[in-house]
Amino acid sequence: MDATPDEHCEAPLASRALAAARSFARRGGSAFADLLWPPVCAHCRAATSIPDGLCARCWSRLALIERPYCERLGTPFALDIGGKLLSPEAIANPPVFDRARAVARYDDIARSLTHRQKYGDQLHLAVTMGTMMAAAGRELLAEADAILPIPLHRFRLWTRRYNQAALLARMVAKSSGKSLLLDALIRVRRTRPQVGLTRAERAANLAGAFKVPADRRPAVEGRRLLLIDDVLTTGATVSAAARALRRAGAAGVDVLTFARVTVDA
């Protein structure tokens, strides 16, 4: 079963101490806190006027995904020919989920932010990334009944100490006011890393990896759910998770990630 929110947010002692100090200072007044810790860019650490945001230079380098894009897969189109469009891939191979959206292409700034949050213990980046995800996924959030993260297997959670998707999901839930389900979907099978696997190998690797516990089915049945992850590559992970949710009676499943790999990225 997924860990509790506290377990998801375990961080090195130094990081927790810094966070506590910031919180204490901010309770004493935002001006005093900003004097002690002036806002800096989440990527390059240059001075900025927006806490937990990006500076103008880094923002301009973030490859945002905006319309026109495939309404099912969220993949961007080079040209806008008007109307709501479907990509050839979505028509030929409709996904298990209903719709996918992402903030940016998995390139340069987005890659750096996701790697640092996932592997570098920079948990504070969930604030920056989650806030942008809530904006990019506002259409999906308007229809969602609840939000849930892609879960980690308990062994992977133990070695990594936190689930980056759960941190992002909590921030998206906080920004949108939607309920957060941390234990409605669990990872029951330990899978090997997806890096380097083909599309077919990824799908086979994740077959049967997710499950909705019997006592959590009422939280899923008849509801429209929004799955949260950091990066969408081939869609194998979110497809396996969406399949488990549909089998448990979910009325619909959408996907929201911070970044997604595109053919020309």
C-alpha atoms as a PDB file:
ATOM      1  CA  MET A   1       0.000   0.000   0.000  1.00  0.00           C
ATOM      2  CA  ASP A   2       1.149   3.541  -0.665  1.00  0.00           C
ATOM      3  CA  ALA A   3       2.887   5.365   2.132  1.00  0.00           C
ATOM      4  CA  THR A   4       1.222   8.106   4.097  1.00  0.00           C
ATOM      5  CA  PRO A   5       1.718  11.750   3.001  1.00  0.00           C
ATOM      6  CA  ASP A   6       4.435  12.143   5.640  1.00  0.00           C
ATOM      7  CA  GLU A   7       6.304   9.133   4.314  1.00  0.00           C
ATOM      8  CA  HIS A   8       6.091  10.496   0.796  1.00  0.00           C
ATOM      9  CA  CYS A   9       7.695  13.738   1.895  1.00  0.00           C
ATOM     10  CA  GLU A  10      10.653  12.412   3.818  1.00  0.00           C
ATOM     11  CA  ALA A  11      13.689  14.552   3.066  1.00  0.00           C
ATOM     12  CA  PRO A  12      17.280  14.870   4.261  1.00  0.00           C
ATOM     13  CA  LEU A  13      17.671  16.506   7.657  1.00  0.00           C
ATOM     14  CA  ALA A  14      19.266  19.613   6.174  1.00  0.00           C
ATOM     15  CA  SER A  15      16.368  20.110   3.767  1.00  0.00           C
ATOM     16  CA  ARG A  16      13.788  19.695   6.535  1.00  0.00           C
ATOM     17  CA  ALA A  17      15.667  22.131   8.746  1.00  0.00           C
ATOM     18  CA  LEU A  18      15.786  24.717   5.976  1.00  0.00           C
ATOM     19  CA  ALA A  19      12.085  24.261   5.269  1.00  0.00           C
ATOM     20  CA  ALA A  20      11.269  24.676   8.961  1.00  0.00           C
ATOM     21  CA  ALA A  21      13.370  27.819   9.150  1.00  0.00           C
ATOM     22  CA  ARG A  22      11.640  29.280   6.127  1.00  0.00           C
ATOM     23  CA  SER A  23       8.237  28.459   7.591  1.00  0.00           C
ATOM     24  CA  PHE A  24       9.132  30.062  10.930  1.00  0.00           C
ATOM     25  CA  ALA A  25      10.392  33.196   9.229  1.00  0.00           C
ATOM     26  CA  ARG A  26       7.337  33.482   7.004  1.00  0.00           C
ATOM     27  CA  ARG A  27       5.038  33.228  10.008  1.00  0.00           C
ATOM     28  CA  GLY A  28       6.891  36.260  11.320  1.00  0.00           C
ATOM     29  CA  GLY A  29       6.144  38.204   8.167  1.00  0.00           C
ATOM     30  CA  SER A  30       6.736  37.656   4.464  1.00  0.00           C
ATOM     31  CA  ALA A  31       8.901  40.751   4.149  1.00  0.00           C
ATOM     32  CA  PHE A  32      11.270  39.467   6.831  1.00  0.00           C
ATOM     33  CA  ALA A  33      11.371  36.026   5.188  1.00  0.00           C
ATOM     34  CA  ASP A  34      12.136  37.520   1.781  1.00  0.00           C
ATOM     35  CA  LEU A  35      14.926  39.553   3.345  1.00  0.00           C
ATOM     36  CA  LEU A  36      16.512  36.379   4.749  1.00  0.00           C
ATOM     37  CA  TRP A  37      15.832  34.214   1.705  1.00  0.00           C
ATOM     38  CA  PRO A  38      15.177  36.344  -1.393  1.00  0.00           C
ATOM     39  CA  PRO A  39      13.127  34.486  -4.043  1.00  0.00           C
ATOM     40  CA  VAL A  40      15.289  32.718  -6.612  1.00  0.00           C
ATOM     41  CA  CYS A  41      14.579  30.927  -9.877  1.00  0.00           C
ATOM     42  CA  ALA A  42      13.636  27.274  -9.360  1.00  0.00           C
ATOM     43  CA  HIS A  43      16.036  26.268 -12.132  1.00  0.00           C
ATOM     44  CA  CYS A  44      19.076  28.556 -12.299  1.00  0.00           C
ATOM     45  CA  ARG A  45      18.801  30.100  -8.792  1.00  0.00           C
ATOM     46  CA  ALA A  46      19.019  33.646 -10.194  1.00  0.00           C
ATOM     47  CA  ALA A  47      17.148  36.345  -8.287  1.00  0.00           C
ATOM     48  CA  THR A  48      13.475  36.626  -9.193  1.00  0.00           C
ATOM     49  CA  SER A  49      10.419  38.405  -7.854  1.00  0.00           C
ATOM     50  CA  ILE A  50       8.232  35.274  -7.811  1.00  0.00           C
ATOM     51  CA  PRO A  51       8.797  32.709  -5.047  1.00  0.00           C
ATOM     52  CA  ASP A  52       9.043  29.135  -6.339  1.00  0.00           C
ATOM     53  CA  GLY A  53       8.871  30.327  -9.954  1.00  0.00           C
ATOM     54  CA  LEU A  54      11.161  30.652 -12.949  1.00  0.00           C
ATOM     55  CA  CYS A  55      13.103  33.720 -13.986  1.00  0.00           C
ATOM     56  CA  ALA A  56      12.285  35.347 -17.322  1.00  0.00           C
ATOM     57  CA  ARG A  57      15.231  33.672 -19.075  1.00  0.00           C
ATOM     58  CA  CYS A  58      14.377  30.153 -17.888  1.00  0.00           C
ATOM     59  CA  TRP A  59      10.663  30.677 -18.551  1.00  0.00           C
ATOM     60  CA  SER A  60      11.433  31.629 -22.150  1.00  0.00           C
ATOM     61  CA  ARG A  61      13.424  28.391 -22.542  1.00  0.00           C
ATOM     62  CA  LEU A  62      10.661  26.158 -21.146  1.00  0.00           C
ATOM     63  CA  ALA A  63       9.088  24.432 -24.163  1.00  0.00           C
ATOM     64  CA  LEU A  64       5.433  24.808 -23.163  1.00  0.00           C
ATOM     65  CA  ILE A  65       2.824  22.584 -24.807  1.00  0.00           C
ATOM     66  CA  GLU A  66      -0.123  24.685 -25.914  1.00  0.00           C
ATOM     67  CA  ARG A  67      -2.844  24.251 -28.522  1.00  0.00           C
ATOM     68  CA  PRO A  68      -2.850  22.995 -31.194  1.00  0.00           C
ATOM     69  CA  TYR A  69      -2.339  19.520 -29.767  1.00  0.00           C
ATOM     70  CA  CYS A  70      -3.988  16.112 -29.991  1.00  0.00           C
ATOM     71  CA  GLU A  71      -7.070  16.188 -27.786  1.00  0.00           C
ATOM     72  CA  ARG A  72      -6.486  12.590 -26.653  1.00  0.00           C
ATOM     73  CA  LEU A  73      -2.717  12.300 -26.284  1.00  0.00           C
ATOM     74  CA  GLY A  74      -1.817  15.951 -25.723  1.00  0.00           C
ATOM     75  CA  THR A  75       0.994  15.780 -28.303  1.00  0.00           C
ATOM     76  CA  PRO A  76       1.629  19.130 -30.020  1.00  0.00           C
ATOM     77  CA  PHE A  77       0.996  19.831 -33.701  1.00  0.00           C
ATOM     78  CA  ALA A  78       3.347  21.944 -35.800  1.00  0.00           C
ATOM     79  CA  LEU A  79       0.478  23.752 -37.559  1.00  0.00           C
ATOM     80  CA  ASP A  80      -2.908  24.993 -36.388  1.00  0.00           C
ATOM     81  CA  ILE A  81      -5.575  24.024 -38.907  1.00  0.00           C
ATOM     82  CA  GLY A  82      -8.423  24.916 -36.579  1.00  0.00           C
ATOM     83  CA  GLY A  83     -10.805  22.913 -34.447  1.00  0.00           C
ATOM     84  CA  LYS A  84     -10.088  20.104 -32.015  1.00  0.00           C
ATOM     85  CA  LEU A  85      -7.629  17.661 -33.536  1.00  0.00           C
ATOM     86  CA  LEU A  86      -6.703  14.010 -33.111  1.00  0.00           C
ATOM     87  CA  SER A  87      -3.269  12.692 -34.021  1.00  0.00           C
ATOM     88  CA  PRO A  88      -2.856   9.658 -36.330  1.00  0.00           C
ATOM     89  CA  GLU A  89      -1.503   7.705 -33.335  1.00  0.00           C
ATOM     90  CA  ALA A  90      -4.596   8.439 -31.237  1.00  0.00           C
ATOM     91  CA  ILE A  91      -6.847   7.291 -34.085  1.00  0.00           C
ATOM     92  CA  ALA A  92      -4.861   4.141 -34.899  1.00  0.00           C
ATOM     93  CA  ASN A  93      -4.149   3.169 -31.273  1.00  0.00           C
ATOM     94  CA  PRO A  94      -6.654   4.824 -28.907  1.00  0.00           C
ATOM     95  CA  PRO A  95      -5.176   5.004 -25.398  1.00  0.00           C
ATOM     96  CA  VAL A  96      -6.653   3.338 -22.327  1.00  0.00           C
ATOM     97  CA  PHE A  97      -6.987   6.752 -20.677  1.00  0.00           C
ATOM     98  CA  ASP A  98      -9.307   9.449 -21.996  1.00  0.00           C
ATOM     99  CA  ARG A  99      -7.008  12.476 -22.277  1.00  0.00           C
ATOM    100  CA  ALA A 100      -3.440  13.415 -21.442  1.00  0.00           C
ATOM    101  CA  ARG A 101      -2.005  16.866 -20.841  1.00  0.00           C
ATOM    102  CA  ALA A 102       1.470  18.120 -19.903  1.00  0.00           C
ATOM    103  CA  VAL A 103       3.070  21.437 -19.086  1.00  0.00           C
ATOM    104  CA  ALA A 104       6.091  21.176 -21.374  1.00  0.00           C
ATOM    105  CA  ARG A 105       8.150  19.027 -23.674  1.00  0.00           C
ATOM    106  CA  TYR A 106      10.753  16.892 -21.928  1.00  0.00           C
ATOM    107  CA  ASP A 107      13.617  19.091 -23.039  1.00  0.00           C
ATOM    108  CA  ASP A 108      16.256  21.246 -21.318  1.00  0.00           C
ATOM    109  CA  ILE A 109      14.500  23.081 -18.455  1.00  0.00           C
ATOM    110  CA  ALA A 110      11.743  20.482 -17.970  1.00  0.00           C
ATOM    111  CA  ARG A 111      14.254  17.627 -17.956  1.00  0.00           C
ATOM    112  CA  SER A 112      16.426  19.402 -15.401  1.00  0.00           C
ATOM    113  CA  LEU A 113      13.514  20.140 -13.055  1.00  0.00           C
ATOM    114  CA  THR A 114      12.105  16.614 -13.172  1.00  0.00           C
ATOM    115  CA  HIS A 115      15.513  14.978 -12.623  1.00  0.00           C
ATOM    116  CA  ARG A 116      16.325  17.231  -9.676  1.00  0.00           C
ATOM    117  CA  GLN A 117      12.961  16.620  -8.039  1.00  0.00           C
ATOM    118  CA  LYS A 118      13.013  12.877  -8.663  1.00  0.00           C
ATOM    119  CA  TYR A 119      16.649  12.029  -7.955  1.00  0.00           C
ATOM    120  CA  GLY A 120      18.176  15.098  -6.327  1.00  0.00           C
ATOM    121  CA  ASP A 121      16.060  15.387  -3.150  1.00  0.00           C
ATOM    122  CA  GLN A 122      14.903  18.846  -4.239  1.00  0.00           C
ATOM    123  CA  LEU A 123      11.373  18.282  -3.010  1.00  0.00           C
ATOM    124  CA  HIS A 124      10.557  21.981  -3.011  1.00  0.00           C
ATOM    125  CA  LEU A 125      10.380  21.819  -6.823  1.00  0.00           C
ATOM    126  CA  ALA A 126       6.998  20.109  -6.446  1.00  0.00           C
ATOM    127  CA  VAL A 127       5.573  23.543  -5.621  1.00  0.00           C
ATOM    128  CA  THR A 128       6.845  25.056  -8.879  1.00  0.00           C
ATOM    129  CA  MET A 129       5.997  22.058 -11.037  1.00  0.00           C
ATOM    130  CA  GLY A 130       2.641  21.286  -9.399  1.00  0.00           C
ATOM    131  CA  THR A 131       1.425  24.856  -9.720  1.00  0.00           C
ATOM    132  CA  MET A 132       2.206  24.838 -13.445  1.00  0.00           C
ATOM    133  CA  MET A 133       0.530  21.450 -13.820  1.00  0.00           C
ATOM    134  CA  ALA A 134      -2.658  22.743 -12.230  1.00  0.00           C
ATOM    135  CA  ALA A 135      -2.737  25.561 -14.793  1.00  0.00           C
ATOM    136  CA  ALA A 136      -1.981  23.288 -17.753  1.00  0.00           C
ATOM    137  CA  GLY A 137      -4.597  20.754 -16.657  1.00  0.00           C
ATOM    138  CA  ARG A 138      -7.392  23.132 -15.698  1.00  0.00           C
ATOM    139  CA  GLU A 139      -9.803  21.572 -18.237  1.00  0.00           C
ATOM    140  CA  LEU A 140      -9.198  18.106 -16.846  1.00  0.00           C
ATOM    141  CA  LEU A 141      -9.385  19.332 -13.260  1.00  0.00           C
ATOM    142  CA  ALA A 142     -12.752  20.991 -13.921  1.00  0.00           C
ATOM    143  CA  GLU A 143     -14.229  17.548 -14.651  1.00  0.00           C
ATOM    144  CA  ALA A 144     -12.218  15.484 -12.161  1.00  0.00           C
ATOM    145  CA  ASP A 145     -13.778  14.071  -9.004  1.00  0.00           C
ATOM    146  CA  ALA A 146     -10.442  13.190  -7.433  1.00  0.00           C
ATOM    147  CA  ILE A 147      -6.688  13.168  -8.029  1.00  0.00           C
ATOM    148  CA  LEU A 148      -4.289  10.294  -7.471  1.00  0.00           C
ATOM    149  CA  PRO A 149      -0.588   9.759  -8.159  1.00  0.00           C
ATOM    150  CA  ILE A 150       1.124   6.908  -9.957  1.00  0.00           C
ATOM    151  CA  PRO A 151       2.246   4.808  -6.965  1.00  0.00           C
ATOM    152  CA  LEU A 152       5.687   3.350  -6.349  1.00  0.00           C
ATOM    153  CA  HIS A 153       6.279  -0.228  -5.292  1.00  0.00           C
ATOM    154  CA  ARG A 154       7.026  -0.369  -1.565  1.00  0.00           C
ATOM    155  CA  PHE A 155      10.646  -1.419  -2.210  1.00  0.00           C
ATOM    156  CA  ARG A 156      11.229   1.483  -4.613  1.00  0.00           C
ATOM    157  CA  LEU A 157       9.576   3.857  -2.139  1.00  0.00           C
ATOM    158  CA  TRP A 158      11.854   2.579   0.636  1.00  0.00           C
ATOM    159  CA  THR A 159      15.011   3.129  -1.428  1.00  0.00           C
ATOM    160  CA  ARG A 160      13.987   6.531  -2.819  1.00  0.00           C
ATOM    161  CA  ARG A 161      12.261   7.651   0.430  1.00  0.00           C
ATOM    162  CA  TYR A 162       9.509   9.584  -1.344  1.00  0.00           C
ATOM    163  CA  ASN A 163       7.216   9.357  -4.348  1.00  0.00           C
ATOM    164  CA  GLN A 164       7.753  12.352  -6.640  1.00  0.00           C
ATOM    165  CA  ALA A 165       4.348  11.807  -8.266  1.00  0.00           C
ATOM    166  CA  ALA A 166       2.629  11.972  -4.864  1.00  0.00           C
ATOM    167  CA  LEU A 167       4.332  15.289  -4.106  1.00  0.00           C
ATOM    168  CA  LEU A 168       3.116  16.702  -7.424  1.00  0.00           C
ATOM    169  CA  ALA A 169      -0.386  15.292  -6.889  1.00  0.00           C
ATOM    170  CA  ARG A 170      -0.634  16.898  -3.470  1.00  0.00           C
ATOM    171  CA  MET A 171       0.332  20.281  -4.951  1.00  0.00           C
ATOM    172  CA  VAL A 172      -2.162  19.934  -7.819  1.00  0.00           C
ATOM    173  CA  ALA A 173      -4.882  18.974  -5.327  1.00  0.00           C
ATOM    174  CA  LYS A 174      -4.026  21.945  -3.131  1.00  0.00           C
ATOM    175  CA  SER A 175      -4.107  24.337  -6.092  1.00  0.00           C
ATOM    176  CA  SER A 176      -7.393  22.993  -7.452  1.00  0.00           C
ATOM    177  CA  GLY A 177      -9.285  22.115  -4.289  1.00  0.00           C
ATOM    178  CA  LYS A 178      -9.862  18.552  -5.513  1.00  0.00           C
ATOM    179  CA  SER A 179      -9.686  15.563  -3.170  1.00  0.00           C
ATOM    180  CA  LEU A 180      -6.483  13.516  -3.129  1.00  0.00           C
ATOM    181  CA  LEU A 181      -6.470   9.698  -3.061  1.00  0.00           C
ATOM    182  CA  LEU A 182      -3.086   8.354  -1.982  1.00  0.00           C
ATOM    183  CA  ASP A 183      -4.016   4.724  -1.379  1.00  0.00           C
ATOM    184  CA  ALA A 184      -6.768   4.001  -3.908  1.00  0.00           C
ATOM    185  CA  LEU A 185      -4.234   2.646  -6.399  1.00  0.00           C
ATOM    186  CA  ILE A 186      -1.271   0.514  -5.337  1.00  0.00           C
ATOM    187  CA  ARG A 187       1.663  -1.055  -7.139  1.00  0.00           C
ATOM    188  CA  VAL A 188       1.561  -4.772  -6.406  1.00  0.00           C
ATOM    189  CA  ARG A 189       4.414  -5.912  -8.603  1.00  0.00           C
ATOM    190  CA  ARG A 190       7.970  -4.669  -8.594  1.00  0.00           C
ATOM    191  CA  THR A 191       8.954  -3.818 -12.170  1.00  0.00           C
ATOM    192  CA  ARG A 192      12.351  -3.157 -13.678  1.00  0.00           C
ATOM    193  CA  PRO A 193      13.250   0.425 -14.720  1.00  0.00           C
ATOM    194  CA  GLN A 194      11.601   1.525 -17.959  1.00  0.00           C
ATOM    195  CA  VAL A 195      14.651   3.371 -19.279  1.00  0.00           C
ATOM    196  CA  GLY A 196      15.993   1.725 -22.432  1.00  0.00           C
ATOM    197  CA  LEU A 197      12.947  -0.507 -23.016  1.00  0.00           C
ATOM    198  CA  THR A 198      10.967  -0.482 -26.244  1.00  0.00           C
ATOM    199  CA  ARG A 199       7.271   0.436 -26.267  1.00  0.00           C
ATOM    200  CA  ALA A 200       6.276  -3.249 -26.296  1.00  0.00           C
ATOM    201  CA  GLU A 201       8.745  -4.096 -23.528  1.00  0.00           C
ATOM    202  CA  ARG A 202       7.438  -1.250 -21.380  1.00  0.00           C
ATOM    203  CA  ALA A 203       3.864  -2.489 -21.732  1.00  0.00           C
ATOM    204  CA  ALA A 204       4.860  -6.069 -20.887  1.00  0.00           C
ATOM    205  CA  ASN A 205       6.938  -4.893 -17.942  1.00  0.00           C
ATOM    206  CA  LEU A 206       3.933  -3.121 -16.400  1.00  0.00           C
ATOM    207  CA  ALA A 207       1.253  -5.730 -17.108  1.00  0.00           C
ATOM    208  CA  GLY A 208      -0.624  -6.389 -13.857  1.00  0.00           C
ATOM    209  CA  ALA A 209       1.567  -4.005 -11.882  1.00  0.00           C
ATOM    210  CA  PHE A 210      -1.299  -1.910 -10.455  1.00  0.00           C
ATOM    211  CA  LYS A 211      -4.379  -2.762  -8.434  1.00  0.00           C
ATOM    212  CA  VAL A 212      -7.231  -1.055  -6.613  1.00  0.00           C
ATOM    213  CA  PRO A 213      -7.638  -2.721  -3.170  1.00  0.00           C
ATOM    214  CA  ALA A 214     -11.112  -4.121  -2.585  1.00  0.00           C
ATOM    215  CA  ASP A 215     -11.757  -1.790   0.347  1.00  0.00           C
ATOM    216  CA  ARG A 216     -10.874   1.247  -1.808  1.00  0.00           C
ATOM    217  CA  ARG A 217     -13.150   0.452  -4.741  1.00  0.00           C
ATOM    218  CA  PRO A 218     -15.903   2.774  -3.419  1.00  0.00           C
ATOM    219  CA  ALA A 219     -13.457   5.682  -3.797  1.00  0.00           C
ATOM    220  CA  VAL A 220     -13.014   4.800  -7.473  1.00  0.00           C
ATOM    221  CA  GLU A 221     -16.348   3.431  -8.708  1.00  0.00           C
ATOM    222  CA  GLY A 222     -18.323   5.809 -10.894  1.00  0.00           C
ATOM    223  CA  ARG A 223     -15.827   8.652 -10.472  1.00  0.00           C
ATOM    224  CA  ARG A 224     -13.765  10.586 -12.984  1.00  0.00           C
ATOM    225  CA  LEU A 225     -10.136  10.403 -11.886  1.00  0.00           C
ATOM    226  CA  LEU A 226      -7.008  12.375 -12.756  1.00  0.00           C
ATOM    227  CA  LEU A 227      -3.722  10.450 -12.691  1.00  0.00           C
ATOM    228  CA  ILE A 228      -0.575  12.442 -11.855  1.00  0.00           C
ATOM    229  CA  ASP A 229       3.006  11.612 -12.842  1.00  0.00           C
ATOM    230  CA  ASP A 230       6.155  13.607 -13.568  1.00  0.00           C
ATOM    231  CA  VAL A 231       6.915  12.505 -17.148  1.00  0.00           C
ATOM    232  CA  LEU A 232       4.908  10.772 -19.867  1.00  0.00           C
ATOM    233  CA  THR A 233       7.103   8.833 -22.296  1.00  0.00           C
ATOM    234  CA  THR A 234       5.329   6.071 -24.231  1.00  0.00           C
ATOM    235  CA  GLY A 235       2.303   6.094 -21.938  1.00  0.00           C
ATOM    236  CA  ALA A 236       2.855   2.506 -20.768  1.00  0.00           C
ATOM    237  CA  THR A 237       2.828   3.374 -17.050  1.00  0.00           C
ATOM    238  CA  VAL A 238      -0.273   5.558 -17.081  1.00  0.00           C
ATOM    239  CA  SER A 239      -2.031   3.087 -19.405  1.00  0.00           C
ATOM    240  CA  ALA A 240      -1.428   0.220 -16.975  1.00  0.00           C
ATOM    241  CA  ALA A 241      -2.654   2.363 -14.089  1.00  0.00           C
ATOM    242  CA  ALA A 242      -5.705   3.576 -16.033  1.00  0.00           C
ATOM    243  CA  ARG A 243      -6.574  -0.018 -16.947  1.00  0.00           C
ATOM    244  CA  ALA A 244      -6.572  -1.016 -13.257  1.00  0.00           C
ATOM    245  CA  LEU A 245      -8.780   1.958 -12.377  1.00  0.00           C
ATOM    246  CA  ARG A 246     -11.268   1.170 -15.138  1.00  0.00           C
ATOM    247  CA  ARG A 247     -11.471  -2.455 -14.006  1.00  0.00           C
ATOM    248  CA  ALA A 248     -12.333  -1.148 -10.547  1.00  0.00           C
ATOM    249  CA  GLY A 249     -15.234   0.845 -11.999  1.00  0.00           C
ATOM    250  CA  ALA A 250     -13.802   4.332 -12.668  1.00  0.00           C
ATOM    251  CA  ALA A 251     -16.093   6.341 -14.961  1.00  0.00           C
ATOM    252  CA  GLY A 252     -13.141   8.007 -16.661  1.00  0.00           C
ATOM    253  CA  VAL A 253      -9.382   8.454 -16.335  1.00  0.00           C
ATOM    254  CA  ASP A 254      -7.356  11.451 -17.487  1.00  0.00           C
ATOM    255  CA  VAL A 255      -3.608  11.981 -17.164  1.00  0.00           C
ATOM    256  CA  LEU A 256      -1.629  15.076 -16.183  1.00  0.00           C
ATOM    257  CA  THR A 257       2.170  15.230 -16.141  1.00  0.00           C
ATOM    258  CA  PHE A 258       4.736  17.969 -15.872  1.00  0.00           C
ATOM    259  CA  ALA A 259       6.575  16.931 -19.030  1.00  0.00           C
ATOM    260  CA  ARG A 260       6.106  14.593 -21.941  1.00  0.00           C
ATOM    261  CA  VAL A 261       8.481  13.132 -24.469  1.00  0.00           C
ATOM    262  CA  THR A 262       7.630  14.156 -28.026  1.00  0.00           C
ATOM    263  CA  VAL A 263       8.963  12.798 -31.286  1.00  0.00           C
ATOM    264  CA  ASP A 264      10.807  15.998 -32.133  1.00  0.00           C
ATOM    265  CA  ALA A 265      11.900  16.796 -28.529  1.00  0.00           C
END
